[in-house]
C-alpha atoms as a PDB file:
ATOM      1  CA  MET A   1     -39.351   2.268  24.297  1.00  0.00           C
ATOM      2  CA  THR A   2     -40.095   2.785  27.988  1.00  0.00           C
ATOM      3  CA  LYS A   3     -39.421   6.364  28.969  1.00  0.00           C
ATOM      4  CA  ILE A   4     -36.563   6.876  31.399  1.00  0.00           C
ATOM      5  CA  THR A   5     -37.573   8.969  34.374  1.00  0.00           C
ATOM      6  CA  VAL A   6     -34.666  11.257  35.157  1.00  0.00           C
ATOM      7  CA  ASP A   7     -34.357  11.538  38.920  1.00  0.00           C
ATOM      8  CA  ILE A   8     -32.155  14.609  39.186  1.00  0.00           C
ATOM      9  CA  GLU A   9     -32.006  14.452  42.992  1.00  0.00           C
ATOM     10  CA  TYR A  10     -30.748  10.876  42.795  1.00  0.00           C
ATOM     11  CA  ILE A  11     -28.115  11.874  40.250  1.00  0.00           C
ATOM     12  CA  LYS A  12     -26.973  14.766  42.447  1.00  0.00           C
ATOM     13  CA  ASP A  13     -26.820  12.505  45.497  1.00  0.00           C
ATOM     14  CA  GLN A  14     -24.698   9.892  43.715  1.00  0.00           C
ATOM     15  CA  LEU A  15     -22.303  12.530  42.384  1.00  0.00           C
ATOM     16  CA  LYS A  16     -21.897  13.948  45.898  1.00  0.00           C
ATOM     17  CA  LYS A  17     -21.101  10.467  47.217  1.00  0.00           C
ATOM     18  CA  ILE A  18     -18.187  10.165  44.788  1.00  0.00           C
ATOM     19  CA  GLY A  19     -16.793  13.551  45.770  1.00  0.00           C
ATOM     20  CA  TYR A  20     -18.322  16.153  43.477  1.00  0.00           C
ATOM     21  CA  GLU A  21     -19.342  19.353  45.298  1.00  0.00           C
ATOM     22  CA  ILE A  22     -22.355  20.697  43.438  1.00  0.00           C
ATOM     23  CA  SER A  23     -22.528  24.483  43.440  1.00  0.00           C
ATOM     24  CA  ASP A  24     -25.501  24.960  41.140  1.00  0.00           C
ATOM     25  CA  CYS A  25     -28.314  23.009  39.482  1.00  0.00           C
ATOM     26  CA  ILE A  26     -30.264  24.966  36.887  1.00  0.00           C
ATOM     27  CA  GLN A  27     -33.447  23.516  35.351  1.00  0.00           C
ATOM     28  CA  ARG A  28     -34.089  24.684  31.801  1.00  0.00           C
ATOM     29  CA  GLU A  29     -36.521  24.088  28.920  1.00  0.00           C
ATOM     30  CA  ASN A  30     -34.042  24.662  26.093  1.00  0.00           C
ATOM     31  CA  ASN A  31     -34.372  21.793  23.546  1.00  0.00           C
ATOM     32  CA  GLY A  32     -36.584  19.968  26.044  1.00  0.00           C
ATOM     33  CA  LEU A  33     -36.320  19.703  29.791  1.00  0.00           C
ATOM     34  CA  ASN A  34     -32.737  19.529  31.030  1.00  0.00           C
ATOM     35  CA  TRP A  35     -30.585  20.330  34.024  1.00  0.00           C
ATOM     36  CA  GLN A  36     -27.173  21.927  34.134  1.00  0.00           C
ATOM     37  CA  LEU A  37     -24.871  21.053  37.040  1.00  0.00           C
ATOM     38  CA  LYS A  38     -21.806  23.027  38.087  1.00  0.00           C
ATOM     39  CA  PHE A  39     -19.269  22.174  40.770  1.00  0.00           C
ATOM     40  CA  ASN A  40     -17.090  23.895  43.354  1.00  0.00           C
ATOM     41  CA  ASN A  41     -14.260  21.379  42.910  1.00  0.00           C
ATOM     42  CA  SER A  42     -14.300  20.871  39.148  1.00  0.00           C
ATOM     43  CA  GLY A  43     -14.357  23.074  36.092  1.00  0.00           C
ATOM     44  CA  ALA A  44     -16.708  20.638  34.358  1.00  0.00           C
ATOM     45  CA  SER A  45     -20.269  21.576  33.510  1.00  0.00           C
ATOM     46  CA  VAL A  46     -22.805  18.756  33.036  1.00  0.00           C
ATOM     47  CA  THR A  47     -26.059  18.988  31.076  1.00  0.00           C
ATOM     48  CA  ILE A  48     -28.525  16.139  31.651  1.00  0.00           C
ATOM     49  CA  TYR A  49     -31.444  15.774  29.265  1.00  0.00           C
ATOM     50  CA  ASP A  50     -34.836  14.333  30.164  1.00  0.00           C
ATOM     51  CA  SER A  51     -35.093  11.874  27.279  1.00  0.00           C
ATOM     52  CA  ASN A  52     -35.164   8.172  26.481  1.00  0.00           C
ATOM     53  CA  LYS A  53     -31.538   8.336  25.410  1.00  0.00           C
ATOM     54  CA  VAL A  54     -29.220   7.299  28.193  1.00  0.00           C
ATOM     55  CA  ASP A  55     -25.989   8.396  26.528  1.00  0.00           C
ATOM     56  CA  ASN A  56     -26.866  11.989  25.650  1.00  0.00           C
ATOM     57  CA  THR A  57     -25.313  13.705  28.675  1.00  0.00           C
ATOM     58  CA  VAL A  58     -23.095  16.630  27.655  1.00  0.00           C
ATOM     59  CA  VAL A  59     -19.983  17.519  29.660  1.00  0.00           C
ATOM     60  CA  ASN A  60     -17.944  20.595  28.872  1.00  0.00           C
ATOM     61  CA  GLY A  61     -16.405  23.548  30.676  1.00  0.00           C
ATOM     62  CA  LYS A  62     -12.884  23.957  32.032  1.00  0.00           C
ATOM     63  CA  ALA A  63     -12.039  20.283  32.521  1.00  0.00           C
ATOM     64  CA  ASP A  64      -9.491  18.109  30.777  1.00  0.00           C
ATOM     65  CA  ASP A  65     -10.467  15.468  28.249  1.00  0.00           C
ATOM     66  CA  GLU A  66     -10.021  12.634  30.742  1.00  0.00           C
ATOM     67  CA  GLU A  67     -12.492  14.132  33.201  1.00  0.00           C
ATOM     68  CA  ILE A  68     -14.978  15.101  30.481  1.00  0.00           C
ATOM     69  CA  GLU A  69     -15.063  11.539  29.138  1.00  0.00           C
ATOM     70  CA  GLY A  70     -15.018   9.863  32.559  1.00  0.00           C
ATOM     71  CA  LEU A  71     -17.693  12.082  34.091  1.00  0.00           C
ATOM     72  CA  LYS A  72     -19.958  11.676  31.065  1.00  0.00           C
ATOM     73  CA  LYS A  73     -19.830   7.872  31.365  1.00  0.00           C
ATOM     74  CA  ILE A  74     -20.547   8.010  35.089  1.00  0.00           C
ATOM     75  CA  VAL A  75     -23.512  10.387  34.766  1.00  0.00           C
ATOM     76  CA  ASN A  76     -25.036   8.311  31.962  1.00  0.00           C
ATOM     77  CA  LYS A  77     -24.766   5.187  34.128  1.00  0.00           C
ATOM     78  CA  ILE A  78     -26.256   6.956  37.146  1.00  0.00           C
ATOM     79  CA  LYS A  79     -29.107   8.227  34.981  1.00  0.00           C
ATOM     80  CA  ALA A  80     -29.852   4.646  33.885  1.00  0.00           C
ATOM     81  CA  LYS A  81     -29.471   3.367  37.492  1.00  0.00           C
ATOM     82  CA  GLU A  82     -26.538   1.197  36.350  1.00  0.00           C
ATOM     83  CA  PHE A  83     -23.942   2.822  38.601  1.00  0.00           C
ATOM     84  CA  VAL A  84     -23.862   1.767  42.250  1.00  0.00           C
ATOM     85  CA  VAL A  85     -21.806   3.778  44.725  1.00  0.00           C
ATOM     86  CA  ASP A  86     -20.302   1.581  47.422  1.00  0.00           C
ATOM     87  CA  PRO A  87     -21.429   2.548  50.968  1.00  0.00           C
ATOM     88  CA  LEU A  88     -17.737   2.889  51.870  1.00  0.00           C
ATOM     89  CA  ASN A  89     -17.149   5.525  49.194  1.00  0.00           C
ATOM     90  CA  GLU A  90     -17.852   8.613  51.301  1.00  0.00           C
ATOM     91  CA  GLU A  91     -15.609   7.434  54.149  1.00  0.00           C
ATOM     92  CA  ILE A  92     -12.685   6.851  51.781  1.00  0.00           C
ATOM     93  CA  ILE A  93     -13.149  10.311  50.253  1.00  0.00           C
ATOM     94  CA  SER A  94     -13.073  11.781  53.759  1.00  0.00           C
ATOM     95  CA  LEU A  95      -9.805   9.950  54.519  1.00  0.00           C
ATOM     96  CA  ILE A  96      -8.218  11.239  51.310  1.00  0.00           C
ATOM     97  CA  ARG A  97      -9.269  14.785  52.112  1.00  0.00           C
ATOM     98  CA  SER A  98      -7.721  14.506  55.587  1.00  0.00           C
ATOM     99  CA  ARG A  99      -4.330  14.598  53.797  1.00  0.00           C
ATOM    100  CA  LYS A 100      -2.687  12.255  56.267  1.00  0.00           C
ATOM    101  CA  GLU A 101      -2.222   8.556  56.910  1.00  0.00           C
ATOM    102  CA  ASP A 102      -3.087   6.797  60.161  1.00  0.00           C
ATOM    103  CA  TYR A 103      -3.041   3.454  61.927  1.00  0.00           C
ATOM    104  CA  TYR A 104      -6.060   2.104  60.053  1.00  0.00           C
ATOM    105  CA  TYR A 105      -5.492   3.347  56.519  1.00  0.00           C
ATOM    106  CA  ASP A 106      -2.595   3.601  54.107  1.00  0.00           C
ATOM    107  CA  PHE A 107      -2.333   5.142  50.631  1.00  0.00           C
ATOM    108  CA  LYS A 108      -0.461   3.614  47.701  1.00  0.00           C
ATOM    109  CA  ARG A 109       0.197   5.289  44.364  1.00  0.00           C
ATOM    110  CA  GLU A 110      -0.038   2.012  42.442  1.00  0.00           C
ATOM    111  CA  PHE A 111      -0.388  -1.712  42.866  1.00  0.00           C
ATOM    112  CA  HIS A 112       2.443  -3.389  44.737  1.00  0.00           C
ATOM    113  CA  LYS A 113       5.173  -4.629  42.440  1.00  0.00           C
ATOM    114  CA  LYS A 114       6.028  -7.400  44.914  1.00  0.00           C
ATOM    115  CA  ASP A 115       3.458  -9.760  46.423  1.00  0.00           C
ATOM    116  CA  GLU A 116       5.407  -9.829  49.687  1.00  0.00           C
ATOM    117  CA  ASP A 117       4.868  -6.071  50.102  1.00  0.00           C
ATOM    118  CA  LEU A 118       1.131  -6.428  49.562  1.00  0.00           C
ATOM    119  CA  LEU A 119       0.931  -9.324  52.004  1.00  0.00           C
ATOM    120  CA  PHE A 120       2.937  -7.358  54.576  1.00  0.00           C
ATOM    121  CA  ASP A 121       0.709  -4.272  54.320  1.00  0.00           C
ATOM    122  CA  ILE A 122      -2.440  -6.379  54.756  1.00  0.00           C
ATOM    123  CA  ILE A 123      -1.023  -8.118  57.840  1.00  0.00           C
ATOM    124  CA  CYS A 124       0.039  -4.825  59.446  1.00  0.00           C
ATOM    125  CA  LEU A 125      -3.327  -3.153  58.819  1.00  0.00           C
ATOM    126  CA  SER A 126      -5.262  -6.227  59.990  1.00  0.00           C
ATOM    127  CA  ASN A 127      -3.229  -6.200  63.221  1.00  0.00           C
ATOM    128  CA  ASN A 128      -3.948  -2.533  64.001  1.00  0.00           C
ATOM    129  CA  LEU A 129      -4.010  -1.957  67.750  1.00  0.00           C
ATOM    130  CA  GLU A 130      -7.560  -0.543  67.835  1.00  0.00           C
ATOM    131  CA  ASN A 131      -8.958  -3.665  66.158  1.00  0.00           C
ATOM    132  CA  ARG A 132     -11.047  -1.748  63.675  1.00  0.00           C
ATOM    133  CA  ASP A 133     -11.698  -2.153  59.962  1.00  0.00           C
ATOM    134  CA  ALA A 134      -8.673  -0.865  58.063  1.00  0.00           C
ATOM    135  CA  TYR A 135      -8.112   0.192  54.463  1.00  0.00           C
ATOM    136  CA  LEU A 136      -5.327  -0.102  51.917  1.00  0.00           C
ATOM    137  CA  ILE A 137      -6.229   2.593  49.384  1.00  0.00           C
ATOM    138  CA  ILE A 138      -4.604   2.233  45.974  1.00  0.00           C
ATOM    139  CA  GLY A 139      -4.469   5.083  43.468  1.00  0.00           C
ATOM    140  CA  VAL A 140      -3.387   7.952  45.777  1.00  0.00           C
ATOM    141  CA  THR A 141       0.157   9.369  45.908  1.00  0.00           C
ATOM    142  CA  ASP A 142       2.248  10.167  48.986  1.00  0.00           C
ATOM    143  CA  ASP A 143       1.216  13.801  48.454  1.00  0.00           C
ATOM    144  CA  PHE A 144      -2.462  12.748  48.566  1.00  0.00           C
ATOM    145  CA  GLU A 145      -3.048  13.371  44.872  1.00  0.00           C
ATOM    146  CA  VAL A 146      -5.711  11.070  43.472  1.00  0.00           C
ATOM    147  CA  ILE A 147      -4.382   9.535  40.259  1.00  0.00           C
ATOM    148  CA  GLY A 148      -6.635   6.461  40.068  1.00  0.00           C
ATOM    149  CA  ILE A 149      -5.785   2.983  38.847  1.00  0.00           C
ATOM    150  CA  ASP A 150      -5.932   0.945  35.688  1.00  0.00           C
ATOM    151  CA  GLU A 151      -7.274  -2.592  35.501  1.00  0.00           C
ATOM    152  CA  ALA A 152      -3.889  -4.311  35.746  1.00  0.00           C
ATOM    153  CA  CYS A 153      -4.559  -6.041  39.069  1.00  0.00           C
ATOM    154  CA  LYS A 154      -7.443  -8.471  39.486  1.00  0.00           C
ATOM    155  CA  SER A 155      -9.229  -9.099  42.776  1.00  0.00           C
ATOM    156  CA  ASN A 156      -8.768 -12.834  42.402  1.00  0.00           C
ATOM    157  CA  ASN A 157      -4.988 -12.407  42.326  1.00  0.00           C
ATOM    158  CA  ILE A 158      -5.075 -10.755  45.744  1.00  0.00           C
ATOM    159  CA  LEU A 159      -7.412 -13.363  47.218  1.00  0.00           C
ATOM    160  CA  ASP A 160      -5.283 -16.194  45.797  1.00  0.00           C
ATOM    161  CA  LEU A 161      -2.172 -14.642  47.349  1.00  0.00           C
ATOM    162  CA  MET A 162      -3.773 -14.662  50.789  1.00  0.00           C
ATOM    163  CA  ASN A 163      -5.281 -18.129  50.470  1.00  0.00           C
ATOM    164  CA  ASN A 164      -1.955 -19.673  49.489  1.00  0.00           C
ATOM    165  CA  LYS A 165      -0.093 -18.478  52.584  1.00  0.00           C
ATOM    166  CA  LYS A 166       0.212 -20.444  55.841  1.00  0.00           C
ATOM    167  CA  PHE A 167      -1.036 -18.482  58.832  1.00  0.00           C
ATOM    168  CA  ALA A 168      -1.048 -19.456  62.501  1.00  0.00           C
ATOM    169  CA  GLY A 169      -4.186 -21.421  63.380  1.00  0.00           C
ATOM    170  CA  ASP A 170      -5.105 -21.250  59.693  1.00  0.00           C
ATOM    171  CA  PHE A 171      -6.702 -17.865  60.448  1.00  0.00           C
ATOM    172  CA  LYS A 172      -6.059 -15.512  57.545  1.00  0.00           C
ATOM    173  CA  PRO A 173      -6.795 -11.785  57.467  1.00  0.00           C
ATOM    174  CA  GLU A 174     -10.353 -11.283  56.260  1.00  0.00           C
ATOM    175  CA  ILE A 175     -10.290  -8.909  53.308  1.00  0.00           C
ATOM    176  CA  GLU A 176     -12.774  -7.483  50.867  1.00  0.00           C
ATOM    177  CA  ILE A 177     -11.930  -5.772  47.573  1.00  0.00           C
ATOM    178  CA  LYS A 178     -13.836  -2.555  46.926  1.00  0.00           C
ATOM    179  CA  ASN A 179     -14.155  -0.403  43.806  1.00  0.00           C
ATOM    180  CA  ILE A 180     -14.283   3.204  44.948  1.00  0.00           C
ATOM    181  CA  TYR A 181     -14.524   6.477  43.039  1.00  0.00           C
ATOM    182  CA  TYR A 182     -13.012   9.850  43.754  1.00  0.00           C
ATOM    183  CA  LYS A 183     -14.881  12.008  41.303  1.00  0.00           C
ATOM    184  CA  TYR A 184     -14.287  10.386  37.891  1.00  0.00           C
ATOM    185  CA  LYS A 185     -11.227   8.367  38.962  1.00  0.00           C
ATOM    186  CA  LYS A 186     -11.435   4.763  40.056  1.00  0.00           C
ATOM    187  CA  LEU A 187      -9.585   3.480  43.115  1.00  0.00           C
ATOM    188  CA  MET A 188      -9.166   0.054  44.626  1.00  0.00           C
ATOM    189  CA  VAL A 189      -9.591  -0.357  48.370  1.00  0.00           C
ATOM    190  CA  ILE A 190      -8.617  -3.517  50.208  1.00  0.00           C
ATOM    191  CA  LYS A 191     -10.734  -3.570  53.337  1.00  0.00           C
ATOM    192  CA  CYS A 192      -9.084  -5.495  56.188  1.00  0.00           C
ATOM    193  CA  LYS A 193     -11.899  -6.514  58.509  1.00  0.00           C
ATOM    194  CA  ALA A 194     -11.624  -6.325  62.281  1.00  0.00           C
ATOM    195  CA  THR A 195     -11.983  -9.821  63.745  1.00  0.00           C
ATOM    196  CA  LYS A 196     -11.268 -11.718  66.955  1.00  0.00           C
ATOM    197  CA  HIS A 197      -8.478 -13.736  65.318  1.00  0.00           C
ATOM    198  CA  VAL A 198      -5.712 -11.158  65.783  1.00  0.00           C
ATOM    199  CA  PRO A 199      -2.790 -11.280  65.839  1.00  0.00           C
ATOM    200  CA  TYR A 200      -2.325 -12.666  62.346  1.00  0.00           C
ATOM    201  CA  TYR A 201       1.115 -14.031  61.533  1.00  0.00           C
ATOM    202  CA  LEU A 202       2.733 -16.500  59.168  1.00  0.00           C
ATOM    203  CA  VAL A 203       4.013 -19.883  60.242  1.00  0.00           C
ATOM    204  CA  GLU A 204       5.925 -20.251  56.997  1.00  0.00           C
ATOM    205  CA  ARG A 205       8.145 -17.407  55.809  1.00  0.00           C
ATOM    206  CA  TYR A 206       7.228 -15.724  52.546  1.00  0.00           C
ATOM    207  CA  ARG A 207      10.271 -13.976  51.112  1.00  0.00           C
ATOM    208  CA  GLY A 208      10.869 -10.898  53.297  1.00  0.00           C
ATOM    209  CA  VAL A 209       7.845 -11.510  55.524  1.00  0.00           C
ATOM    210  CA  LYS A 210       9.132 -13.590  58.428  1.00  0.00           C
ATOM    211  CA  ASP A 211       7.442 -16.575  60.033  1.00  0.00           C
ATOM    212  CA  ASN A 212       6.290 -16.601  63.668  1.00  0.00           C
ATOM    213  CA  THR A 213       6.679 -12.830  63.780  1.00  0.00           C
ATOM    214  CA  ILE A 214       3.894 -10.425  64.715  1.00  0.00           C
ATOM    215  CA  TYR A 215       3.700  -7.166  62.778  1.00  0.00           C
ATOM    216  CA  THR A 216       1.410  -4.219  63.438  1.00  0.00           C
ATOM    217  CA  ARG A 217       0.964  -0.563  62.489  1.00  0.00           C
ATOM    218  CA  VAL A 218       1.466   2.376  64.846  1.00  0.00           C
ATOM    219  CA  GLY A 219       0.377   5.790  63.616  1.00  0.00           C
ATOM    220  CA  ASP A 220       1.229   5.836  59.911  1.00  0.00           C
ATOM    221  CA  THR A 221       4.129   3.395  60.193  1.00  0.00           C
ATOM    222  CA  ASN A 222       4.284  -0.386  59.800  1.00  0.00           C
ATOM    223  CA  THR A 223       6.561  -2.540  61.903  1.00  0.00           C
ATOM    224  CA  PRO A 224       9.795  -3.021  59.880  1.00  0.00           C
ATOM    225  CA  LYS A 225       9.892  -6.392  58.119  1.00  0.00           C
ATOM    226  CA  ASP A 226      13.109  -7.394  59.837  1.00  0.00           C
ATOM    227  CA  LYS A 227      11.726  -6.656  63.312  1.00  0.00           C
ATOM    228  CA  SER A 228       8.622  -7.546  65.300  1.00  0.00           C
ATOM    229  CA  ALA A 229       5.996  -5.561  67.163  1.00  0.00           C
ATOM    230  CA  THR A 230       7.019  -4.532  70.669  1.00  0.00           C
ATOM    231  CA  TYR A 231       6.157  -6.573  73.764  1.00  0.00           C
ATOM    232  CA  ASN A 232       3.379  -4.114  74.729  1.00  0.00           C
ATOM    233  CA  GLU A 233       1.931  -4.088  71.200  1.00  0.00           C
ATOM    234  CA  ILE A 234       1.857  -7.889  71.039  1.00  0.00           C
ATOM    235  CA  GLU A 235       0.261  -8.049  74.484  1.00  0.00           C
ATOM    236  CA  LYS A 236      -2.472  -5.641  73.380  1.00  0.00           C
ATOM    237  CA  LEU A 237      -3.265  -7.750  70.325  1.00  0.00           C
ATOM    238  CA  TRP A 238      -3.528 -10.920  72.388  1.00  0.00           C
ATOM    239  CA  ARG A 239      -5.763  -9.104  74.904  1.00  0.00           C
ATOM    240  CA  ILE A 240      -8.088  -8.210  72.026  1.00  0.00           C
ATOM    241  CA  HIS A 241      -8.004 -11.850  70.927  1.00  0.00           C
ATOM    242  CA  PHE A 242      -9.003 -13.227  74.341  1.00  0.00           C
ATOM    243  CA  ASP A 243     -11.517 -10.459  75.099  1.00  0.00           C
ATOM    244  CA  ARG A 244     -13.381 -11.426  71.926  1.00  0.00           C
ATOM    245  CA  GLU A 245     -12.806 -15.174  72.234  1.00  0.00           C
ATOM    246  CA  TYR A 246     -16.433 -16.126  72.886  1.00  0.00           C
ATOM    247  CA  GLU A 247     -18.102 -13.881  70.343  1.00  0.00           C
END
């Protein structure tokens, strides 16, 4: 068996990127070379052994069973270089820690129960007035508690929803589905990309989302479904459109 080289600095870096604040890393020779990690923002204690076994990480300390099991799986995968942290991960963690919502990101406790609500949120975020990448972050409560998600919603379902709707000019919001971690909990982030095709709007009504109506997001609030963006907001979106026309 090829010996696994434990890169402790790499492991520490990946854990930091998913939100763990490492307070201590102690190298020891007890039962072979190993490292013990402790954290400022978790009661867990992680012991990583320098051995060919990938799954021999030990997690204990003052953490609940869910975190102990989840963190152990993550560390074992990082050790084997099988866990890839998305480049967006650190930005999303920063947004969660800000404990507020804004014009380019919105938190949801769980997956939308109605497709029309998901569609509406994506349109509003995609039409943000600063024309920047925006994020729908699923697995965070209104009180900014990270509860994570299960696997009930599939990325293809979201993409199919968007592809089956009729948008003006056949320009649909450009989205990307991201798997993000906040410590041991998994989140889903729908990234709404900034493009020159704003404003996005339907030409065929979909339930409560009206046709030929432009929605946007101001501060932490979407345009109400039964209304439209204001004259000045619509003008700003069209200015963005024409300013970027020849890109």
